[in-house]
Amino acid sequence: MSRPVKIAALQAPCWVEGRTPRERKAFLVRQTLALLETAGEAGADIACLGEHSTTHGVGGNPDDRTLYEDAEAGPVTKKVRRLARKFGMNIIFPIAAWHRGVLRNVALVINRSGELAGAYHKVHLTRGERANYVAGGELPVFRLDFGTIGVVICHDLSFVESVRVVALKGAELVFWPNWWSGWGEDSDWAQIRARAIDNSVWLVPVNFGQPKGRAWRPGLPIGRSGVIGPDGQTLGSAGRHVGMCLTPIDLDAPRIAHCFTWEDEAEFRRDMLADRRPETYGILTDPRLVPAARKPGAPAPAARRRKRRP
């Protein structure tokens, strides 16, 4: 058996152009629609954009519904849904928008018919986001025509439980739209690849591209949108700059690994999940073990002041 899926990771510009919030929003919308057209013309089965795809760097008032529109019925979402129908392409559309009366960091899952298959609300908001957005309270999966997918957004991947939960719910393919700059590239990519390996899922990081001629530095998004296989191998990457990474995979080709438990070769995901002992993991969900957050402006307890050089 074979379940081929052609995945488009769309790496939009990390910068915005325009003097006003509306001009900046218009720039991002043009980039978004153009990349989706490119993916559709290339025959992608599913395309994913980065976090806040049409709102990053826009600014303005979050209550302005022309900037932060209705997630399901807003004018940009309608255009994206039309493109899904036009090309018969599933789309993951991450935006900052009002969803059912609440301002969310949300990823809409749109099927090939242009219908809304579901929505994921980012669970782990950053401290800056908490001033405007309401966090989600669950980690759902979505069943599309080719299989079951999960979605986690940016800071969600900082926590090992996020991908594990959607994998246990049956996700074979996990999309990770993000605006990630992280804590250093070596640790970033060890962490990202580990999420795919530990759960034996295909992981699709979707970030943003930087201007050509510019070097990556801490604080800039890391780029490299693409596909990571269940064994942690990078199967496709958009590199540093704006563009698309189109990667074909076969969801019916599981990771086969030598299993030291049975001393033979077998499907890694099935055998490893069978050896889990969930009855011993209760401490992971004990809210008493969550430390209190620092108050805004308070110094980090372990932070050291840098000495000025003479």
C-alpha atoms as a PDB file:
ATOM      1  CA  MET A   1       0.000   0.000   0.000  1.00  0.00           C
ATOM      2  CA  SER A   2       1.032   3.592  -0.552  1.00  0.00           C
ATOM      3  CA  ARG A   3      -0.359   6.942   0.603  1.00  0.00           C
ATOM      4  CA  PRO A   4       1.607   9.614  -1.241  1.00  0.00           C
ATOM      5  CA  VAL A   5       1.220  13.164   0.039  1.00  0.00           C
ATOM      6  CA  LYS A   6       2.878  16.186  -1.494  1.00  0.00           C
ATOM      7  CA  ILE A   7       3.563  18.793   1.217  1.00  0.00           C
ATOM      8  CA  ALA A   8       4.207  22.488   0.532  1.00  0.00           C
ATOM      9  CA  ALA A   9       5.941  24.428   3.324  1.00  0.00           C
ATOM     10  CA  LEU A  10       5.505  28.090   2.362  1.00  0.00           C
ATOM     11  CA  GLN A  11       8.241  30.396   3.630  1.00  0.00           C
ATOM     12  CA  ALA A  12       6.933  33.963   3.435  1.00  0.00           C
ATOM     13  CA  PRO A  13       8.987  37.142   4.084  1.00  0.00           C
ATOM     14  CA  CYS A  14       9.920  37.840   7.685  1.00  0.00           C
ATOM     15  CA  TRP A  15       9.719  41.574   6.951  1.00  0.00           C
ATOM     16  CA  VAL A  16       6.776  43.826   6.143  1.00  0.00           C
ATOM     17  CA  GLU A  17       6.464  46.756   3.786  1.00  0.00           C
ATOM     18  CA  GLY A  18       4.183  49.762   4.148  1.00  0.00           C
ATOM     19  CA  ARG A  19       3.831  52.767   6.415  1.00  0.00           C
ATOM     20  CA  THR A  20       0.397  52.080   7.886  1.00  0.00           C
ATOM     21  CA  PRO A  21      -1.071  48.932   9.438  1.00  0.00           C
ATOM     22  CA  ARG A  22      -3.399  48.534   6.440  1.00  0.00           C
ATOM     23  CA  GLU A  23      -0.543  48.830   3.958  1.00  0.00           C
ATOM     24  CA  ARG A  24       1.493  46.281   5.906  1.00  0.00           C
ATOM     25  CA  LYS A  25      -1.467  43.913   6.100  1.00  0.00           C
ATOM     26  CA  ALA A  26      -1.998  44.251   2.325  1.00  0.00           C
ATOM     27  CA  PHE A  27       1.668  43.360   1.723  1.00  0.00           C
ATOM     28  CA  LEU A  28       1.401  40.195   3.818  1.00  0.00           C
ATOM     29  CA  VAL A  29      -1.858  39.163   2.183  1.00  0.00           C
ATOM     30  CA  ARG A  30      -0.320  39.497  -1.298  1.00  0.00           C
ATOM     31  CA  GLN A  31       2.632  37.333  -0.254  1.00  0.00           C
ATOM     32  CA  THR A  32       0.330  34.722   1.300  1.00  0.00           C
ATOM     33  CA  LEU A  33      -1.944  34.396  -1.724  1.00  0.00           C
ATOM     34  CA  ALA A  34       0.978  34.307  -4.172  1.00  0.00           C
ATOM     35  CA  LEU A  35       2.661  31.460  -2.257  1.00  0.00           C
ATOM     36  CA  LEU A  36      -0.589  29.512  -2.108  1.00  0.00           C
ATOM     37  CA  GLU A  37      -1.011  29.937  -5.871  1.00  0.00           C
ATOM     38  CA  THR A  38       2.516  28.576  -6.342  1.00  0.00           C
ATOM     39  CA  ALA A  39       1.749  25.558  -4.153  1.00  0.00           C
ATOM     40  CA  GLY A  40      -1.508  24.871  -5.934  1.00  0.00           C
ATOM     41  CA  GLU A  41       0.068  25.068  -9.382  1.00  0.00           C
ATOM     42  CA  ALA A  42       2.757  22.623  -8.192  1.00  0.00           C
ATOM     43  CA  GLY A  43       0.106  20.075  -7.252  1.00  0.00           C
ATOM     44  CA  ALA A  44       0.526  20.189  -3.466  1.00  0.00           C
ATOM     45  CA  ASP A  45      -1.889  18.029  -1.484  1.00  0.00           C
ATOM     46  CA  ILE A  46      -1.505  20.259   1.542  1.00  0.00           C
ATOM     47  CA  ALA A  47       0.151  23.662   2.063  1.00  0.00           C
ATOM     48  CA  CYS A  48       1.066  25.378   5.312  1.00  0.00           C
ATOM     49  CA  LEU A  49       2.065  28.974   6.078  1.00  0.00           C
ATOM     50  CA  GLY A  50       3.942  30.407   9.054  1.00  0.00           C
ATOM     51  CA  GLU A  51       2.484  31.701  12.316  1.00  0.00           C
ATOM     52  CA  HIS A  52       0.563  35.010  12.077  1.00  0.00           C
ATOM     53  CA  SER A  53       0.878  34.726   8.298  1.00  0.00           C
ATOM     54  CA  THR A  54      -1.113  37.888   7.508  1.00  0.00           C
ATOM     55  CA  THR A  55      -0.639  39.865  10.725  1.00  0.00           C
ATOM     56  CA  HIS A  56       2.982  39.708  11.915  1.00  0.00           C
ATOM     57  CA  GLY A  57       4.471  43.196  12.160  1.00  0.00           C
ATOM     58  CA  VAL A  58       1.182  44.842  11.184  1.00  0.00           C
ATOM     59  CA  GLY A  59       0.603  46.604  14.488  1.00  0.00           C
ATOM     60  CA  GLY A  60      -2.587  48.577  14.981  1.00  0.00           C
ATOM     61  CA  ASN A  61      -5.445  47.942  17.379  1.00  0.00           C
ATOM     62  CA  PRO A  62      -6.395  44.281  17.918  1.00  0.00           C
ATOM     63  CA  ASP A  63     -10.024  45.447  18.093  1.00  0.00           C
ATOM     64  CA  ASP A  64      -9.803  46.735  14.516  1.00  0.00           C
ATOM     65  CA  ARG A  65     -11.712  44.020  12.645  1.00  0.00           C
ATOM     66  CA  THR A  66     -10.297  45.163   9.300  1.00  0.00           C
ATOM     67  CA  LEU A  67      -6.821  44.164  10.506  1.00  0.00           C
ATOM     68  CA  TYR A  68      -7.639  41.324  12.876  1.00  0.00           C
ATOM     69  CA  GLU A  69     -10.645  39.921  11.096  1.00  0.00           C
ATOM     70  CA  ASP A  70     -13.063  37.098  11.737  1.00  0.00           C
ATOM     71  CA  ALA A  71     -11.100  33.866  11.411  1.00  0.00           C
ATOM     72  CA  GLU A  72     -13.775  31.893   9.579  1.00  0.00           C
ATOM     73  CA  ALA A  73     -15.682  34.549   7.627  1.00  0.00           C
ATOM     74  CA  GLY A  74     -13.124  37.334   7.099  1.00  0.00           C
ATOM     75  CA  PRO A  75     -12.258  38.504   3.563  1.00  0.00           C
ATOM     76  CA  VAL A  76      -8.739  36.994   3.534  1.00  0.00           C
ATOM     77  CA  THR A  77      -9.968  33.634   4.811  1.00  0.00           C
ATOM     78  CA  LYS A  78     -12.580  33.611   2.046  1.00  0.00           C
ATOM     79  CA  LYS A  79      -9.829  34.130  -0.542  1.00  0.00           C
ATOM     80  CA  VAL A  80      -7.759  31.318   0.964  1.00  0.00           C
ATOM     81  CA  ARG A  81     -10.778  29.006   0.935  1.00  0.00           C
ATOM     82  CA  ARG A  82     -11.374  29.819  -2.730  1.00  0.00           C
ATOM     83  CA  LEU A  83      -7.786  28.852  -3.516  1.00  0.00           C
ATOM     84  CA  ALA A  84      -8.276  25.554  -1.668  1.00  0.00           C
ATOM     85  CA  ARG A  85     -11.291  24.829  -3.903  1.00  0.00           C
ATOM     86  CA  LYS A  86      -9.554  26.038  -7.060  1.00  0.00           C
ATOM     87  CA  PHE A  87      -6.588  23.700  -6.651  1.00  0.00           C
ATOM     88  CA  GLY A  88      -8.194  20.902  -4.638  1.00  0.00           C
ATOM     89  CA  MET A  89      -5.582  21.530  -1.940  1.00  0.00           C
ATOM     90  CA  ASN A  90      -5.759  21.269   1.849  1.00  0.00           C
ATOM     91  CA  ILE A  91      -4.424  24.403   3.572  1.00  0.00           C
ATOM     92  CA  ILE A  92      -3.163  25.184   7.091  1.00  0.00           C
ATOM     93  CA  PHE A  93      -3.813  28.924   7.513  1.00  0.00           C
ATOM     94  CA  PRO A  94      -2.321  30.375  10.744  1.00  0.00           C
ATOM     95  CA  ILE A  95      -3.523  33.878  11.643  1.00  0.00           C
ATOM     96  CA  ALA A  96      -4.145  36.216  14.540  1.00  0.00           C
ATOM     97  CA  ALA A  97      -7.902  36.703  14.340  1.00  0.00           C
ATOM     98  CA  TRP A  98     -11.197  36.797  16.163  1.00  0.00           C
ATOM     99  CA  HIS A  99     -12.594  33.293  16.382  1.00  0.00           C
ATOM    100  CA  ARG A 100     -16.107  32.952  17.713  1.00  0.00           C
ATOM    101  CA  GLY A 101     -15.838  36.200  19.632  1.00  0.00           C
ATOM    102  CA  VAL A 102     -12.360  35.628  21.094  1.00  0.00           C
ATOM    103  CA  LEU A 103      -9.016  36.965  19.841  1.00  0.00           C
ATOM    104  CA  ARG A 104      -6.838  33.942  19.146  1.00  0.00           C
ATOM    105  CA  ASN A 105      -3.548  32.820  17.694  1.00  0.00           C
ATOM    106  CA  VAL A 106      -5.285  30.273  15.509  1.00  0.00           C
ATOM    107  CA  ALA A 107      -4.494  27.868  12.666  1.00  0.00           C
ATOM    108  CA  LEU A 108      -7.451  27.096  10.421  1.00  0.00           C
ATOM    109  CA  VAL A 109      -7.500  23.695   8.734  1.00  0.00           C
ATOM    110  CA  ILE A 110      -9.187  24.007   5.327  1.00  0.00           C
ATOM    111  CA  ASN A 111      -9.911  20.939   3.212  1.00  0.00           C
ATOM    112  CA  ARG A 112      -9.737  20.478  -0.562  1.00  0.00           C
ATOM    113  CA  SER A 113     -13.338  21.650  -0.967  1.00  0.00           C
ATOM    114  CA  GLY A 114     -12.576  24.928   0.770  1.00  0.00           C
ATOM    115  CA  GLU A 115     -14.534  23.901   3.833  1.00  0.00           C
ATOM    116  CA  LEU A 116     -13.299  24.466   7.366  1.00  0.00           C
ATOM    117  CA  ALA A 117     -12.185  21.087   8.734  1.00  0.00           C
ATOM    118  CA  GLY A 118     -11.342  22.592  12.122  1.00  0.00           C
ATOM    119  CA  ALA A 119      -9.276  25.138  14.008  1.00  0.00           C
ATOM    120  CA  TYR A 120      -6.416  24.897  16.464  1.00  0.00           C
ATOM    121  CA  HIS A 121      -5.892  27.580  19.114  1.00  0.00           C
ATOM    122  CA  LYS A 122      -2.309  27.959  20.321  1.00  0.00           C
ATOM    123  CA  VAL A 123      -2.082  26.448  23.801  1.00  0.00           C
ATOM    124  CA  HIS A 124       1.289  27.776  25.014  1.00  0.00           C
ATOM    125  CA  LEU A 125       1.161  31.534  24.528  1.00  0.00           C
ATOM    126  CA  THR A 126       4.320  33.559  25.105  1.00  0.00           C
ATOM    127  CA  ARG A 127       4.197  36.125  27.882  1.00  0.00           C
ATOM    128  CA  GLY A 128       3.872  38.934  25.353  1.00  0.00           C
ATOM    129  CA  GLU A 129       0.925  37.230  23.642  1.00  0.00           C
ATOM    130  CA  ARG A 130      -1.023  36.801  26.851  1.00  0.00           C
ATOM    131  CA  ALA A 131      -1.785  40.526  26.925  1.00  0.00           C
ATOM    132  CA  ASN A 132      -3.981  40.204  23.810  1.00  0.00           C
ATOM    133  CA  TYR A 133      -4.823  36.580  23.046  1.00  0.00           C
ATOM    134  CA  VAL A 134      -6.715  33.825  24.809  1.00  0.00           C
ATOM    135  CA  ALA A 135      -4.933  30.479  24.954  1.00  0.00           C
ATOM    136  CA  GLY A 136      -6.458  27.280  23.648  1.00  0.00           C
ATOM    137  CA  GLY A 137      -7.331  24.472  26.014  1.00  0.00           C
ATOM    138  CA  GLU A 138      -6.860  21.332  23.940  1.00  0.00           C
ATOM    139  CA  LEU A 139      -4.652  19.653  21.357  1.00  0.00           C
ATOM    140  CA  PRO A 140      -6.979  18.220  18.686  1.00  0.00           C
ATOM    141  CA  VAL A 141      -6.273  16.200  15.563  1.00  0.00           C
ATOM    142  CA  PHE A 142      -7.903  16.642  12.158  1.00  0.00           C
ATOM    143  CA  ARG A 143      -8.877  13.910   9.721  1.00  0.00           C
ATOM    144  CA  LEU A 144      -8.256  14.830   6.105  1.00  0.00           C
ATOM    145  CA  ASP A 145      -8.680  12.790   2.935  1.00  0.00           C
ATOM    146  CA  PHE A 146      -5.165  11.314   3.096  1.00  0.00           C
ATOM    147  CA  GLY A 147      -4.783  10.763   6.857  1.00  0.00           C
ATOM    148  CA  THR A 148      -4.776  12.337  10.310  1.00  0.00           C
ATOM    149  CA  ILE A 149      -2.809  15.495  11.110  1.00  0.00           C
ATOM    150  CA  GLY A 150      -2.013  17.563  14.162  1.00  0.00           C
ATOM    151  CA  VAL A 151      -1.068  21.237  14.456  1.00  0.00           C
ATOM    152  CA  VAL A 152       1.073  22.917  17.115  1.00  0.00           C
ATOM    153  CA  ILE A 153       2.135  26.564  16.962  1.00  0.00           C
ATOM    154  CA  CYS A 154       5.559  28.022  17.808  1.00  0.00           C
ATOM    155  CA  HIS A 155       6.058  27.932  21.623  1.00  0.00           C
ATOM    156  CA  ASP A 156       3.951  24.747  21.800  1.00  0.00           C
ATOM    157  CA  LEU A 157       6.983  22.821  20.541  1.00  0.00           C
ATOM    158  CA  SER A 158       8.972  23.947  23.590  1.00  0.00           C
ATOM    159  CA  PHE A 159       7.016  21.357  25.546  1.00  0.00           C
ATOM    160  CA  VAL A 160       7.476  17.672  24.838  1.00  0.00           C
ATOM    161  CA  GLU A 161       3.872  16.933  25.748  1.00  0.00           C
ATOM    162  CA  SER A 162       2.352  18.869  22.818  1.00  0.00           C
ATOM    163  CA  VAL A 163       3.461  16.605  19.970  1.00  0.00           C
ATOM    164  CA  ARG A 164       3.142  13.510  22.152  1.00  0.00           C
ATOM    165  CA  VAL A 165      -0.548  14.282  22.788  1.00  0.00           C
ATOM    166  CA  VAL A 166      -1.472  14.700  19.111  1.00  0.00           C
ATOM    167  CA  ALA A 167       0.588  11.610  18.229  1.00  0.00           C
ATOM    168  CA  LEU A 168      -1.267   9.549  20.838  1.00  0.00           C
ATOM    169  CA  LYS A 169      -4.514  10.823  19.319  1.00  0.00           C
ATOM    170  CA  GLY A 170      -3.456   9.386  15.986  1.00  0.00           C
ATOM    171  CA  ALA A 171      -1.667  12.212  14.160  1.00  0.00           C
ATOM    172  CA  GLU A 172       0.733  10.863  11.551  1.00  0.00           C
ATOM    173  CA  LEU A 173       1.781  14.263  10.232  1.00  0.00           C
ATOM    174  CA  VAL A 174       2.284  17.276  12.530  1.00  0.00           C
ATOM    175  CA  PHE A 175       2.428  20.824  11.176  1.00  0.00           C
ATOM    176  CA  TRP A 176       4.380  23.402  13.158  1.00  0.00           C
ATOM    177  CA  PRO A 177       3.753  26.957  11.895  1.00  0.00           C
ATOM    178  CA  ASN A 178       6.030  29.209  13.906  1.00  0.00           C
ATOM    179  CA  TRP A 179       7.896  32.471  14.308  1.00  0.00           C
ATOM    180  CA  TRP A 180      10.787  30.755  16.040  1.00  0.00           C
ATOM    181  CA  SER A 181      14.183  32.273  16.636  1.00  0.00           C
ATOM    182  CA  GLY A 182      14.896  30.108  19.645  1.00  0.00           C
ATOM    183  CA  TRP A 183      17.878  29.925  21.960  1.00  0.00           C
ATOM    184  CA  GLY A 184      20.604  28.965  19.514  1.00  0.00           C
ATOM    185  CA  GLU A 185      20.507  26.947  16.344  1.00  0.00           C
ATOM    186  CA  ASP A 186      22.168  23.743  17.575  1.00  0.00           C
ATOM    187  CA  SER A 187      19.777  23.398  20.500  1.00  0.00           C
ATOM    188  CA  ASP A 188      16.841  24.448  18.299  1.00  0.00           C
ATOM    189  CA  TRP A 189      17.339  21.754  15.722  1.00  0.00           C
ATOM    190  CA  ALA A 190      18.117  19.058  18.274  1.00  0.00           C
ATOM    191  CA  GLN A 191      14.820  19.930  19.957  1.00  0.00           C
ATOM    192  CA  ILE A 192      12.830  20.122  16.717  1.00  0.00           C
ATOM    193  CA  ARG A 193      14.146  16.837  15.328  1.00  0.00           C
ATOM    194  CA  ALA A 194      13.592  15.116  18.673  1.00  0.00           C
ATOM    195  CA  ARG A 195       9.853  15.842  18.499  1.00  0.00           C
ATOM    196  CA  ALA A 196       9.663  13.875  15.238  1.00  0.00           C
ATOM    197  CA  ILE A 197      11.899  11.046  16.476  1.00  0.00           C
ATOM    198  CA  ASP A 198      10.293  10.531  19.888  1.00  0.00           C
ATOM    199  CA  ASN A 199       6.806  10.293  18.422  1.00  0.00           C
ATOM    200  CA  SER A 200       7.708   8.729  15.064  1.00  0.00           C
ATOM    201  CA  VAL A 201       5.743  11.367  13.147  1.00  0.00           C
ATOM    202  CA  TRP A 202       6.437  13.452  10.070  1.00  0.00           C
ATOM    203  CA  LEU A 203       7.035  17.014  11.296  1.00  0.00           C
ATOM    204  CA  VAL A 204       6.538  20.076   9.078  1.00  0.00           C
ATOM    205  CA  PRO A 205       8.190  23.229  10.468  1.00  0.00           C
ATOM    206  CA  VAL A 206       7.046  26.385   8.650  1.00  0.00           C
ATOM    207  CA  ASN A 207       8.960  29.563   9.445  1.00  0.00           C
ATOM    208  CA  PHE A 208       9.842  32.759   7.533  1.00  0.00           C
ATOM    209  CA  GLY A 209      12.517  33.783   5.061  1.00  0.00           C
ATOM    210  CA  GLN A 210      14.976  36.621   5.527  1.00  0.00           C
ATOM    211  CA  PRO A 211      16.189  39.087   2.884  1.00  0.00           C
ATOM    212  CA  LYS A 212      18.954  37.815   0.638  1.00  0.00           C
ATOM    213  CA  GLY A 213      22.359  39.091   1.621  1.00  0.00           C
ATOM    214  CA  ARG A 214      21.529  39.097   5.327  1.00  0.00           C
ATOM    215  CA  ALA A 215      23.066  36.727   7.878  1.00  0.00           C
ATOM    216  CA  TRP A 216      20.979  34.870  10.441  1.00  0.00           C
ATOM    217  CA  ARG A 217      21.459  36.111  13.982  1.00  0.00           C
ATOM    218  CA  PRO A 218      19.652  35.469  17.275  1.00  0.00           C
ATOM    219  CA  GLY A 219      16.258  37.145  17.168  1.00  0.00           C
ATOM    220  CA  LEU A 220      15.645  36.490  13.470  1.00  0.00           C
ATOM    221  CA  PRO A 221      13.363  33.618  12.464  1.00  0.00           C
ATOM    222  CA  ILE A 222      15.392  30.558  11.582  1.00  0.00           C
ATOM    223  CA  GLY A 223      13.819  29.762   8.201  1.00  0.00           C
ATOM    224  CA  ARG A 224      14.436  26.225   6.926  1.00  0.00           C
ATOM    225  CA  SER A 225      10.759  25.407   6.426  1.00  0.00           C
ATOM    226  CA  GLY A 226      10.320  21.865   5.161  1.00  0.00           C
ATOM    227  CA  VAL A 227       9.729  18.285   6.241  1.00  0.00           C
ATOM    228  CA  ILE A 228      11.470  16.164   8.892  1.00  0.00           C
ATOM    229  CA  GLY A 229      10.948  12.408   8.756  1.00  0.00           C
ATOM    230  CA  PRO A 230      10.056  10.116  11.673  1.00  0.00           C
ATOM    231  CA  ASP A 231      13.743   9.217  11.992  1.00  0.00           C
ATOM    232  CA  GLY A 232      14.766  12.881  12.327  1.00  0.00           C
ATOM    233  CA  GLN A 233      16.172  13.223   8.820  1.00  0.00           C
ATOM    234  CA  THR A 234      15.509  16.479   6.971  1.00  0.00           C
ATOM    235  CA  LEU A 235      13.742  15.486   3.760  1.00  0.00           C
ATOM    236  CA  GLY A 236      13.273  18.984   2.350  1.00  0.00           C
ATOM    237  CA  SER A 237      14.168  22.559   3.303  1.00  0.00           C
ATOM    238  CA  ALA A 238      13.411  26.001   1.913  1.00  0.00           C
ATOM    239  CA  GLY A 239      16.722  27.284   3.252  1.00  0.00           C
ATOM    240  CA  ARG A 240      17.022  30.837   4.559  1.00  0.00           C
ATOM    241  CA  HIS A 241      15.094  32.855   2.025  1.00  0.00           C
ATOM    242  CA  VAL A 242      11.547  33.328   0.790  1.00  0.00           C
ATOM    243  CA  GLY A 243      10.074  30.469  -1.209  1.00  0.00           C
ATOM    244  CA  MET A 244       8.463  27.056  -1.130  1.00  0.00           C
ATOM    245  CA  CYS A 245       9.711  23.631  -0.128  1.00  0.00           C
ATOM    246  CA  LEU A 246       7.683  20.943  -1.893  1.00  0.00           C
ATOM    247  CA  THR A 247       8.286  17.475  -0.446  1.00  0.00           C
ATOM    248  CA  PRO A 248       6.578  14.208  -1.406  1.00  0.00           C
ATOM    249  CA  ILE A 249       6.227  11.598   1.341  1.00  0.00           C
ATOM    250  CA  ASP A 250       4.501   8.241   1.717  1.00  0.00           C
ATOM    251  CA  LEU A 251       2.437   8.003   4.894  1.00  0.00           C
ATOM    252  CA  ASP A 252       2.316   4.227   4.487  1.00  0.00           C
ATOM    253  CA  ALA A 253       6.114   3.983   4.808  1.00  0.00           C
ATOM    254  CA  PRO A 254       6.626   3.784   8.599  1.00  0.00           C
ATOM    255  CA  ARG A 255       9.961   4.044  10.315  1.00  0.00           C
ATOM    256  CA  ILE A 256      11.397   0.540  10.638  1.00  0.00           C
ATOM    257  CA  ALA A 257      14.076   0.274  13.298  1.00  0.00           C
ATOM    258  CA  HIS A 258      15.944  -2.413  15.180  1.00  0.00           C
ATOM    259  CA  CYS A 259      14.075  -2.823  18.440  1.00  0.00           C
ATOM    260  CA  PHE A 260      16.284  -3.897  21.332  1.00  0.00           C
ATOM    261  CA  THR A 261      13.171  -4.896  23.310  1.00  0.00           C
ATOM    262  CA  TRP A 262      12.361  -7.713  20.883  1.00  0.00           C
ATOM    263  CA  GLU A 263      15.805  -7.948  19.260  1.00  0.00           C
ATOM    264  CA  ASP A 264      14.394  -7.662  15.760  1.00  0.00           C
ATOM    265  CA  GLU A 265      13.246  -5.050  13.254  1.00  0.00           C
ATOM    266  CA  ALA A 266       9.758  -3.626  13.496  1.00  0.00           C
ATOM    267  CA  GLU A 267       7.673  -0.485  13.185  1.00  0.00           C
ATOM    268  CA  PHE A 268       9.276   1.875  15.692  1.00  0.00           C
ATOM    269  CA  ARG A 269       6.153   3.848  16.609  1.00  0.00           C
ATOM    270  CA  ARG A 270       3.999   0.836  17.424  1.00  0.00           C
ATOM    271  CA  ASP A 271       6.645  -0.973  19.474  1.00  0.00           C
ATOM    272  CA  MET A 272       7.753   2.088  21.438  1.00  0.00           C
ATOM    273  CA  LEU A 273       4.210   3.185  22.270  1.00  0.00           C
ATOM    274  CA  ALA A 274       3.454  -0.376  23.396  1.00  0.00           C
ATOM    275  CA  ASP A 275       6.267  -0.126  25.979  1.00  0.00           C
ATOM    276  CA  ARG A 276       4.938   3.076  27.570  1.00  0.00           C
ATOM    277  CA  ARG A 277       3.861   3.025  31.260  1.00  0.00           C
ATOM    278  CA  PRO A 278       1.342   5.894  31.482  1.00  0.00           C
ATOM    279  CA  GLU A 279       0.316   4.947  35.015  1.00  0.00           C
ATOM    280  CA  THR A 280       3.733   6.206  36.182  1.00  0.00           C
ATOM    281  CA  TYR A 281       3.492   9.610  34.465  1.00  0.00           C
ATOM    282  CA  GLY A 282       0.875  11.290  36.642  1.00  0.00           C
ATOM    283  CA  ILE A 283       3.309  13.915  37.903  1.00  0.00           C
ATOM    284  CA  LEU A 284       3.338  15.458  34.413  1.00  0.00           C
ATOM    285  CA  THR A 285      -0.174  16.795  34.911  1.00  0.00           C
ATOM    286  CA  ASP A 286       0.170  17.944  38.513  1.00  0.00           C
ATOM    287  CA  PRO A 287      -0.553  21.724  38.481  1.00  0.00           C
ATOM    288  CA  ARG A 288       1.152  22.166  41.869  1.00  0.00           C
ATOM    289  CA  LEU A 289       4.501  21.663  40.138  1.00  0.00           C
ATOM    290  CA  VAL A 290       4.092  24.627  37.777  1.00  0.00           C
ATOM    291  CA  PRO A 291       6.277  27.459  39.145  1.00  0.00           C
ATOM    292  CA  ALA A 292       4.812  30.939  39.480  1.00  0.00           C
ATOM    293  CA  ALA A 293       5.658  33.189  36.551  1.00  0.00           C
ATOM    294  CA  ARG A 294       7.927  36.166  37.088  1.00  0.00           C
ATOM    295  CA  LYS A 295       6.198  39.529  37.257  1.00  0.00           C
ATOM    296  CA  PRO A 296       6.788  41.794  34.231  1.00  0.00           C
ATOM    297  CA  GLY A 297      10.074  43.648  34.593  1.00  0.00           C
ATOM    298  CA  ALA A 298      11.379  41.447  37.393  1.00  0.00           C
ATOM    299  CA  PRO A 299      14.965  40.222  36.882  1.00  0.00           C
ATOM    300  CA  ALA A 300      15.602  36.559  36.260  1.00  0.00           C
ATOM    301  CA  PRO A 301      16.715  34.938  39.549  1.00  0.00           C
ATOM    302  CA  ALA A 302      19.792  33.350  38.006  1.00  0.00           C
ATOM    303  CA  ALA A 303      20.667  36.243  35.701  1.00  0.00           C
ATOM    304  CA  ARG A 304      24.094  37.775  36.069  1.00  0.00           C
ATOM    305  CA  ARG A 305      24.877  41.331  35.152  1.00  0.00           C
ATOM    306  CA  ARG A 306      27.429  41.651  32.447  1.00  0.00           C
ATOM    307  CA  LYS A 307      30.572  43.398  33.575  1.00  0.00           C
ATOM    308  CA  ARG A 308      31.479  46.378  31.502  1.00  0.00           C
ATOM    309  CA  ARG A 309      34.818  46.166  29.855  1.00  0.00           C
ATOM    310  CA  PRO A 310      37.195  48.949  30.847  1.00  0.00           C
END
